[in-house]
Protein backbone atom coordinates (compact mmCIF):
# COMPACT_ATOMS: atom_id res chain seq x y z
CA UNK A 1 155.25 62.26 52.56
CA UNK A 2 155.01 61.09 56.54
CA UNK A 3 156.12 65.09 57.19
CA UNK A 4 153.10 66.48 55.31
CA UNK A 5 150.68 63.56 57.15
CA UNK A 6 152.02 65.58 60.00
CA UNK A 7 151.39 69.10 59.45
CA UNK A 8 147.62 68.37 58.72
CA UNK A 9 146.97 66.18 61.59
CA UNK A 10 148.44 68.63 64.01
CA UNK A 11 146.87 71.75 62.30
CA UNK A 12 143.54 69.48 62.06
CA UNK A 13 144.52 68.94 65.95
CA UNK A 14 145.00 72.84 66.79
CA UNK A 15 141.49 73.73 65.15
CA UNK A 16 139.48 70.92 67.30
CA UNK A 17 141.11 72.01 70.37
CA UNK A 18 140.24 76.20 69.41
CA UNK A 19 136.30 75.12 68.34
CA UNK A 20 136.22 73.11 71.84
CA UNK A 21 137.38 76.43 73.92
CA UNK A 22 135.16 78.29 72.01
CA UNK A 23 131.72 75.84 72.11
CA UNK A 24 133.14 75.55 76.33
CA UNK A 25 133.36 79.20 77.11
CA UNK A 26 129.74 80.11 75.46
CA UNK A 27 127.20 81.59 78.30
CA UNK A 28 124.13 82.76 78.60
CA UNK A 29 123.37 84.48 81.76
CA UNK A 30 126.56 85.07 84.45
CA UNK A 31 125.46 86.01 87.70
CA UNK A 32 127.96 87.42 90.74
CA UNK A 33 127.40 88.59 94.16
CA UNK A 34 130.26 90.96 93.95
CA UNK A 35 132.29 93.00 91.24
CA UNK A 36 134.96 91.26 91.75
CA UNK A 37 134.27 88.28 89.83
CA UNK A 38 132.65 90.20 86.74
CA UNK A 39 135.83 93.03 87.00
CA UNK A 40 138.55 89.52 86.75
CA UNK A 41 138.14 89.79 83.02
CA UNK A 42 140.99 90.37 81.46
CA UNK A 43 141.61 93.06 78.61
CA UNK A 44 142.32 90.94 75.88
CA UNK A 45 139.63 88.58 76.65
CA UNK A 46 137.13 92.34 76.59
CA UNK A 47 139.09 92.99 73.43
CA UNK A 48 138.41 90.11 71.62
CA UNK A 49 134.61 89.69 73.27
CA UNK A 50 131.22 91.21 71.08
CA UNK A 51 129.69 92.50 75.06
CA UNK A 52 126.34 91.57 76.55
CA UNK A 53 123.14 92.76 75.17
CA UNK A 54 122.28 94.13 78.63
CA UNK A 55 123.55 94.50 82.43
CA UNK A 56 121.09 94.38 85.48
CA UNK A 57 122.66 95.32 88.93
CA UNK A 58 120.12 94.46 91.59
CA UNK A 59 120.53 95.66 95.37
CA UNK A 60 120.88 92.93 97.83
CA UNK A 61 120.46 89.13 98.14
CA UNK A 62 119.44 89.89 101.62
CA UNK A 63 115.57 90.65 100.95
CA UNK A 64 113.51 88.33 99.45
CA UNK A 65 111.80 90.34 97.05
CA UNK A 66 115.21 90.60 94.73
CA UNK A 67 115.57 86.81 94.40
CA UNK A 68 112.38 86.87 92.33
CA UNK A 69 113.21 89.21 90.28
CA UNK A 70 116.53 87.53 89.54
CA UNK A 71 114.42 84.50 89.41
CA UNK A 72 112.31 86.27 87.06
CA UNK A 73 115.09 88.40 84.75
CA UNK A 74 116.68 85.02 84.17
CA UNK A 75 113.85 83.87 82.66
CA UNK A 76 113.56 86.15 80.08
CA UNK A 77 116.98 86.21 79.33
CA UNK A 78 116.95 82.83 78.66
CA UNK A 79 114.07 82.74 76.50
CA UNK A 80 115.47 85.62 74.32
CA UNK A 81 119.09 83.91 74.55
CA UNK A 82 120.25 87.78 75.50
CA UNK A 83 123.73 87.24 76.50
CA UNK A 84 123.41 89.16 79.85
CA UNK A 85 124.93 89.62 83.59
CA UNK A 86 123.47 89.92 86.86
CA UNK A 87 125.04 91.55 89.82
CA UNK A 88 124.39 92.21 93.19
CA UNK A 89 125.38 95.72 95.39
CA UNK A 90 124.86 94.18 98.40
CA UNK A 91 123.29 97.52 100.01
CA UNK A 92 126.32 99.56 99.03
CA UNK A 93 126.93 102.40 96.88
CA UNK A 94 130.20 101.55 96.35
CA UNK A 95 129.56 98.17 95.71
CA UNK A 96 126.96 99.34 92.97
CA UNK A 97 128.97 101.78 91.23
CA UNK A 98 131.74 99.08 90.46
CA UNK A 99 128.82 96.92 89.45
CA UNK A 100 128.00 99.56 86.84
CA UNK A 101 132.08 100.06 85.52
CA UNK A 102 131.98 96.68 85.25
CA UNK A 103 128.95 95.88 82.53
CA UNK A 104 130.68 99.12 81.60
CA UNK A 105 133.98 97.39 80.56
CA UNK A 106 131.72 94.50 79.82
CA UNK A 107 130.71 96.49 76.72
CA UNK A 108 126.98 96.23 77.97
CA UNK A 109 124.63 97.34 75.12
CA UNK A 110 122.18 98.23 78.19
CA UNK A 111 122.20 98.50 81.97
CA UNK A 112 119.07 98.01 84.36
CA UNK A 113 120.02 99.47 87.47
CA UNK A 114 117.61 99.12 90.57
CA UNK A 115 119.71 101.48 92.68
CA UNK A 116 120.69 100.93 96.56
CA UNK A 117 120.90 105.01 97.25
CA UNK A 118 118.90 106.81 95.16
CA UNK A 119 121.40 109.35 94.99
CA UNK A 120 124.43 108.08 94.72
CA UNK A 121 123.34 106.17 91.80
CA UNK A 122 123.77 109.05 89.67
CA UNK A 123 127.43 108.94 89.32
CA UNK A 124 127.25 105.87 88.13
CA UNK A 125 124.37 106.75 85.52
CA UNK A 126 126.97 109.61 84.65
CA UNK A 127 129.91 106.83 83.85
CA UNK A 128 127.23 104.76 81.84
CA UNK A 129 125.99 107.68 80.01
CA UNK A 130 129.56 108.77 79.05
CA UNK A 131 130.01 105.98 77.16
CA UNK A 132 126.56 105.95 75.64
CA UNK A 133 125.45 102.96 77.42
CA UNK A 134 120.89 103.77 78.02
CA UNK A 135 119.93 102.79 81.69
CA UNK A 136 116.65 101.82 82.73
CA UNK A 137 116.53 103.07 86.55
CA UNK A 138 114.45 99.49 88.14
CA UNK A 139 111.52 99.61 90.40
CA UNK A 140 113.22 102.86 92.30
CA UNK A 141 114.28 105.94 90.69
CA UNK A 142 117.64 107.02 89.83
CA UNK A 143 117.72 110.82 90.74
CA UNK A 144 119.64 114.09 90.28
CA UNK A 145 120.90 113.46 87.13
CA UNK A 146 119.73 113.94 83.44
CA UNK A 147 121.08 110.67 82.37
CA UNK A 148 118.43 108.28 83.18
CA UNK A 149 116.82 107.24 80.15
CA UNK A 150 113.73 105.00 81.28
CA UNK A 151 112.12 103.78 84.38
CA UNK A 152 109.91 101.40 85.38
CA UNK A 153 107.83 101.06 88.64
CA UNK A 154 105.14 99.67 90.60
CA UNK A 155 102.76 101.94 91.43
CA UNK A 156 103.99 102.59 94.60
CA UNK A 157 101.22 105.82 95.88
CA UNK A 158 98.75 102.93 95.61
CA UNK A 159 100.90 100.43 96.89
CA UNK A 160 101.11 102.97 100.40
CA UNK A 161 97.41 103.91 99.80
CA UNK A 162 96.05 100.19 99.62
CA UNK A 163 98.38 99.22 102.90
CA UNK A 164 95.94 102.69 104.71
CA UNK A 165 93.02 101.62 103.09
CA UNK A 166 92.69 98.27 104.61
CA UNK A 167 93.56 99.99 108.08
CA UNK A 168 91.12 102.17 107.45
CA UNK A 169 88.87 99.67 106.31
CA UNK A 170 89.59 96.84 109.49
CA UNK A 171 89.06 99.90 111.70
CA UNK A 172 85.56 101.00 110.45
CA UNK A 173 83.73 103.20 112.63
CA UNK A 174 85.42 102.43 116.08
CA UNK A 175 87.76 105.65 117.23
CA UNK A 176 90.87 105.32 119.18
CA UNK A 177 92.27 102.53 117.46
CA UNK A 178 96.36 101.68 118.55
CA UNK A 179 98.29 102.87 115.36
CA UNK A 180 102.45 102.08 114.77
CA UNK A 181 103.70 103.26 111.92
CA UNK A 182 107.22 102.26 109.95
CA UNK A 183 108.76 103.52 106.78
CA UNK A 184 110.97 102.32 104.42
CA UNK A 185 114.92 103.18 103.76
CA UNK A 186 115.30 106.96 103.25
CA UNK A 187 118.13 106.07 100.57
CA UNK A 188 115.01 104.85 98.33
CA UNK A 189 112.66 106.81 97.22
CA UNK A 190 109.97 104.73 97.07
CA UNK A 191 110.13 105.06 100.73
CA UNK A 192 108.81 108.43 100.20
CA UNK A 193 106.05 107.30 97.82
CA UNK A 194 104.77 104.17 99.78
CA UNK A 195 104.36 106.67 102.84
CA UNK A 196 103.05 109.83 101.04
CA UNK A 197 100.20 107.23 100.06
CA UNK A 198 99.31 105.48 103.04
CA UNK A 199 99.48 109.42 104.57
CA UNK A 200 97.07 111.23 102.64
CA UNK A 201 94.40 108.07 103.27
CA UNK A 202 95.09 107.80 107.25
CA UNK A 203 95.65 111.78 107.74
CA UNK A 204 92.20 112.17 108.02
CA UNK A 205 91.56 109.16 110.16
CA UNK A 206 94.10 110.20 112.69
CA UNK A 207 93.11 113.70 112.65
CA UNK A 208 89.15 112.43 113.20
CA UNK A 209 90.38 110.74 116.25
CA UNK A 210 89.77 106.65 114.35
CA UNK A 211 93.69 106.13 115.10
CA UNK A 212 96.14 107.42 117.56
CA UNK A 213 99.45 107.22 116.70
CA UNK A 214 101.46 105.66 119.32
CA UNK A 215 105.32 105.44 118.07
CA UNK A 216 106.02 108.44 116.30
CA UNK A 217 105.88 111.98 118.09
CA UNK A 218 106.62 113.86 114.98
CA UNK A 219 103.62 112.60 112.84
CA UNK A 220 101.37 113.47 115.48
CA UNK A 221 103.38 116.78 115.28
CA UNK A 222 101.86 117.35 111.67
CA UNK A 223 98.69 115.14 111.81
CA UNK A 224 96.79 117.97 111.53
CA UNK A 225 98.36 118.37 107.78
CA UNK A 226 97.10 116.28 104.74
CA UNK A 227 99.68 117.73 102.59
CA UNK A 228 103.62 117.65 103.14
CA UNK A 229 106.89 118.52 102.17
CA UNK A 230 109.22 116.25 101.39
CA UNK A 231 111.12 117.60 104.49
CA UNK A 232 108.53 117.08 106.79
CA UNK A 233 107.89 113.39 105.96
CA UNK A 234 111.88 112.67 105.86
CA UNK A 235 111.18 114.49 109.80
CA UNK A 236 108.37 111.51 109.97
CA UNK A 237 110.06 108.95 108.53
CA UNK A 238 113.56 109.21 109.98
CA UNK A 239 112.38 108.00 113.36
CA UNK A 240 110.66 104.91 112.03
CA UNK A 241 113.31 104.01 109.28
CA UNK A 242 113.55 100.34 109.62
CA UNK A 243 116.04 100.23 106.29
CA UNK A 244 114.47 97.43 104.74
CA UNK A 245 115.90 95.53 107.51
CA UNK A 246 113.71 92.55 109.47
CA UNK A 247 116.48 93.04 112.69
CA UNK A 248 115.79 96.80 112.71
CA UNK A 249 112.35 95.85 112.57
CA UNK A 250 112.30 93.78 115.26
CA UNK A 251 114.85 96.45 117.39
CA UNK A 252 112.10 99.65 116.23
CA UNK A 253 108.87 97.23 117.44
CA UNK A 254 110.60 96.03 120.66
CA UNK A 255 111.66 99.91 121.87
CA UNK A 256 108.32 101.28 120.53
CA UNK A 257 106.52 98.43 122.68
CA UNK A 258 108.39 98.87 125.96
CA UNK A 259 108.08 102.30 126.24
CA UNK A 260 104.52 101.82 126.04
CA UNK A 261 102.04 100.81 128.92
CA UNK A 262 99.17 97.81 128.01
CA UNK A 263 96.42 101.14 127.19
CA UNK A 264 99.05 101.46 123.74
CA UNK A 265 98.10 98.32 123.24
CA UNK A 266 95.61 95.71 122.93
CA UNK A 267 94.23 95.46 119.85
CA UNK A 268 96.44 96.81 117.43
CA UNK A 269 97.13 98.27 113.81
CA UNK A 270 100.57 98.36 111.54
CA UNK A 271 101.28 100.02 108.58
CA UNK A 272 104.45 97.89 108.31
CA UNK A 273 106.98 99.48 105.28
CA UNK A 274 105.67 97.89 101.85
CA UNK A 275 107.70 95.25 102.53
CA UNK A 276 106.73 91.37 103.01
CA UNK A 277 109.72 90.29 104.88
CA UNK A 278 109.56 93.66 107.28
CA UNK A 279 105.84 92.93 107.87
CA UNK A 280 106.80 89.17 109.17
CA UNK A 281 109.85 90.86 111.45
CA UNK A 282 107.25 93.33 113.30
CA UNK A 283 104.72 90.82 113.24
CA UNK A 284 106.14 88.24 115.04
CA UNK A 285 107.63 91.08 117.46
CA UNK A 286 104.62 92.42 117.96
CA UNK A 287 102.47 89.18 118.97
CA UNK A 288 105.40 88.61 121.81
CA UNK A 289 104.34 91.02 123.60
CA UNK A 290 101.39 89.77 125.74
CA UNK A 291 99.74 92.96 126.31
CA UNK A 292 98.73 92.87 122.27
CA UNK A 293 95.64 90.76 122.16
CA UNK A 294 95.01 91.81 118.43
CA UNK A 295 97.45 92.34 115.11
CA UNK A 296 96.17 94.01 112.21
CA UNK A 297 99.41 94.24 110.06
CA UNK A 298 99.96 95.26 106.11
CA UNK A 299 102.73 94.22 103.87
CA UNK A 300 103.92 94.02 100.55
CA UNK A 301 105.51 92.54 97.57
CA UNK A 302 103.35 88.92 97.60
CA UNK A 303 106.48 86.92 98.73
CA UNK A 304 106.14 82.99 99.15
CA UNK A 305 107.72 83.07 103.05
CA UNK A 306 104.61 85.97 103.76
CA UNK A 307 102.09 83.30 102.35
CA UNK A 308 101.35 81.15 105.59
CA UNK A 309 101.61 84.12 107.43
CA UNK A 310 98.62 85.12 105.47
CA UNK A 311 96.95 82.10 105.93
CA UNK A 312 97.35 81.78 109.87
CA UNK A 313 96.02 85.11 110.34
CA UNK A 314 99.99 86.66 111.32
CA UNK A 315 100.25 89.00 108.18
CA UNK A 316 96.58 90.75 107.75
CA UNK A 317 97.62 91.41 103.60
CA UNK A 318 99.84 92.46 101.02
CA UNK A 319 99.44 94.74 98.09
CA UNK A 320 101.15 92.07 95.33
CA UNK A 321 103.84 93.35 93.65
CA UNK A 322 104.31 90.94 90.84
CA UNK A 323 108.15 91.12 89.34
CA UNK A 324 107.09 88.84 86.16
CA UNK A 325 105.21 91.69 85.12
CA UNK A 326 107.66 94.67 86.14
CA UNK A 327 110.70 92.32 84.55
CA UNK A 328 108.70 91.94 81.42
CA UNK A 329 108.34 95.64 81.20
CA UNK A 330 112.15 95.96 81.95
CA UNK A 331 113.09 94.05 79.12
CA UNK A 332 110.59 95.41 76.23
CA UNK A 333 112.06 98.48 76.59
CA UNK A 334 115.68 96.67 76.44
CA UNK A 335 114.46 95.22 73.30
CA UNK A 336 113.07 98.55 71.82
CA UNK A 337 116.65 99.91 72.69
CA UNK A 338 118.42 96.95 71.06
CA UNK A 339 116.64 96.46 68.18
CA UNK A 340 116.52 100.46 67.46
CA UNK A 341 112.81 100.38 67.69
CA UNK A 342 110.57 103.52 69.58
CA UNK A 343 110.59 103.15 73.81
CA UNK A 344 106.67 103.04 74.84
CA UNK A 345 105.68 104.69 77.93
CA UNK A 346 102.71 105.57 79.88
CA UNK A 347 103.94 108.17 82.27
CA UNK A 348 106.72 110.14 84.00
CA UNK A 349 108.69 110.53 87.14
CA UNK A 350 110.46 113.51 88.11
CA UNK A 351 113.76 112.77 89.62
CA UNK A 352 114.87 116.46 90.37
CA UNK A 353 116.69 117.15 87.11
CA UNK A 354 114.29 115.96 84.53
CA UNK A 355 110.78 114.22 83.87
CA UNK A 356 111.80 110.09 83.45
CA UNK A 357 109.87 108.75 80.72
CA UNK A 358 108.32 105.75 82.62
CA UNK A 359 106.48 102.45 82.72
CA UNK A 360 103.97 101.91 85.46
CA UNK A 361 103.15 98.35 87.10
CA UNK A 362 99.96 97.86 88.27
CA UNK A 363 99.41 95.82 92.41
CA UNK A 364 96.74 93.77 93.45
CA UNK A 365 95.80 93.35 97.30
CA UNK A 366 95.60 89.87 98.62
CA UNK A 367 94.14 88.46 101.89
CA UNK A 368 93.16 85.41 103.24
CA UNK A 369 90.05 85.53 101.44
CA UNK A 370 91.53 85.55 98.34
CA UNK A 371 94.71 84.22 98.33
CA UNK A 372 93.91 80.97 96.61
CA UNK A 373 91.97 82.12 93.76
CA UNK A 374 95.12 84.84 93.20
CA UNK A 375 97.97 82.60 94.22
CA UNK A 376 97.35 79.31 94.32
CA UNK A 377 94.33 78.52 91.39
CA UNK A 378 96.78 81.51 89.37
CA UNK A 379 99.53 79.17 89.93
CA UNK A 380 101.52 82.17 90.90
CA UNK A 381 102.70 79.70 94.02
CA UNK A 382 102.14 75.76 95.03
CA UNK A 383 99.38 75.57 97.40
CA UNK A 384 100.53 72.02 98.19
CA UNK A 385 103.58 74.27 100.22
CA UNK A 386 101.29 75.49 102.75
CA UNK A 387 98.55 74.41 105.35
CA UNK A 388 95.21 74.84 106.31
CA UNK A 389 93.61 76.71 103.93
CA UNK A 390 91.80 73.71 102.18
């Protein structure tokens, strides 16, 4: 009788421990800076695991923009109770590929990939496709592979055009305005689209003398041409490539300003790369130059760190790209793929191999004049954190 009782108690205790372990191991979202942690899961654990619903790879934590996207993804993932993994590639194509391989090993049903290098990312996409995993190209288009299933992006042409149009509007009918231009990283296909959108607006105003480009001889050389090839755009952008890096922005601006005399300064117009972090770095550098008497500078993303700059007049505008809207559109595709429904899209983008079915999200210009309505009253940001606008 005692032996029987002991056996029953032993079985009960073992069962309780197993149940407790299972509950302790349940997670919804995991996040790792590098793939090593994600890849540490043992083969036995992978075999027993049912896989994750969606794996997300973002390019870096070093840029404010991507932290907003991460937060938006996490909010929807928790809302829908998805099992998900968020990885960051830290501006490395090698880490990015390892991240994708880790997600494949975890049994991801869908992979969302924002590439660091648009061309290099094709190899990782091909690996996912070989395992039957659909890939959504997020924000930046993955190039040179026919295995990209969908693309979700902001209207990047409109972003560039809106920044340029703001400069044109500020210049009005005046002539001979000093213009400095900067581009995003050449590894990012969006940089070309941003710059093309801006060029289409600025080129006629450069040709008619409204603006004088002060920091890019190649742009001056091509300033009589509205339609440029990708190679011609690259020849301009390669000399003003900020690499989406604030320190590179500062170094470039310092070099440009040092090489110019006071006649190339005064009231200065700056087309920044479509990134608020870069806009602030450029603003700080230009405003330090004693010969710069007035600065009109564009930005894009609408990150919180630029809000006070806009209020204070240190950054003239931003093109707001709502990360929640982009993430929502992306997760609608994920939902459809997971439930076997037809994916709805509104346009296509060619990635040199195929026309990728795409969803395009709109953008909005924010200035000091409408920042209260668009950011504070709408609840995007808490106005109490900022000064000088009441």
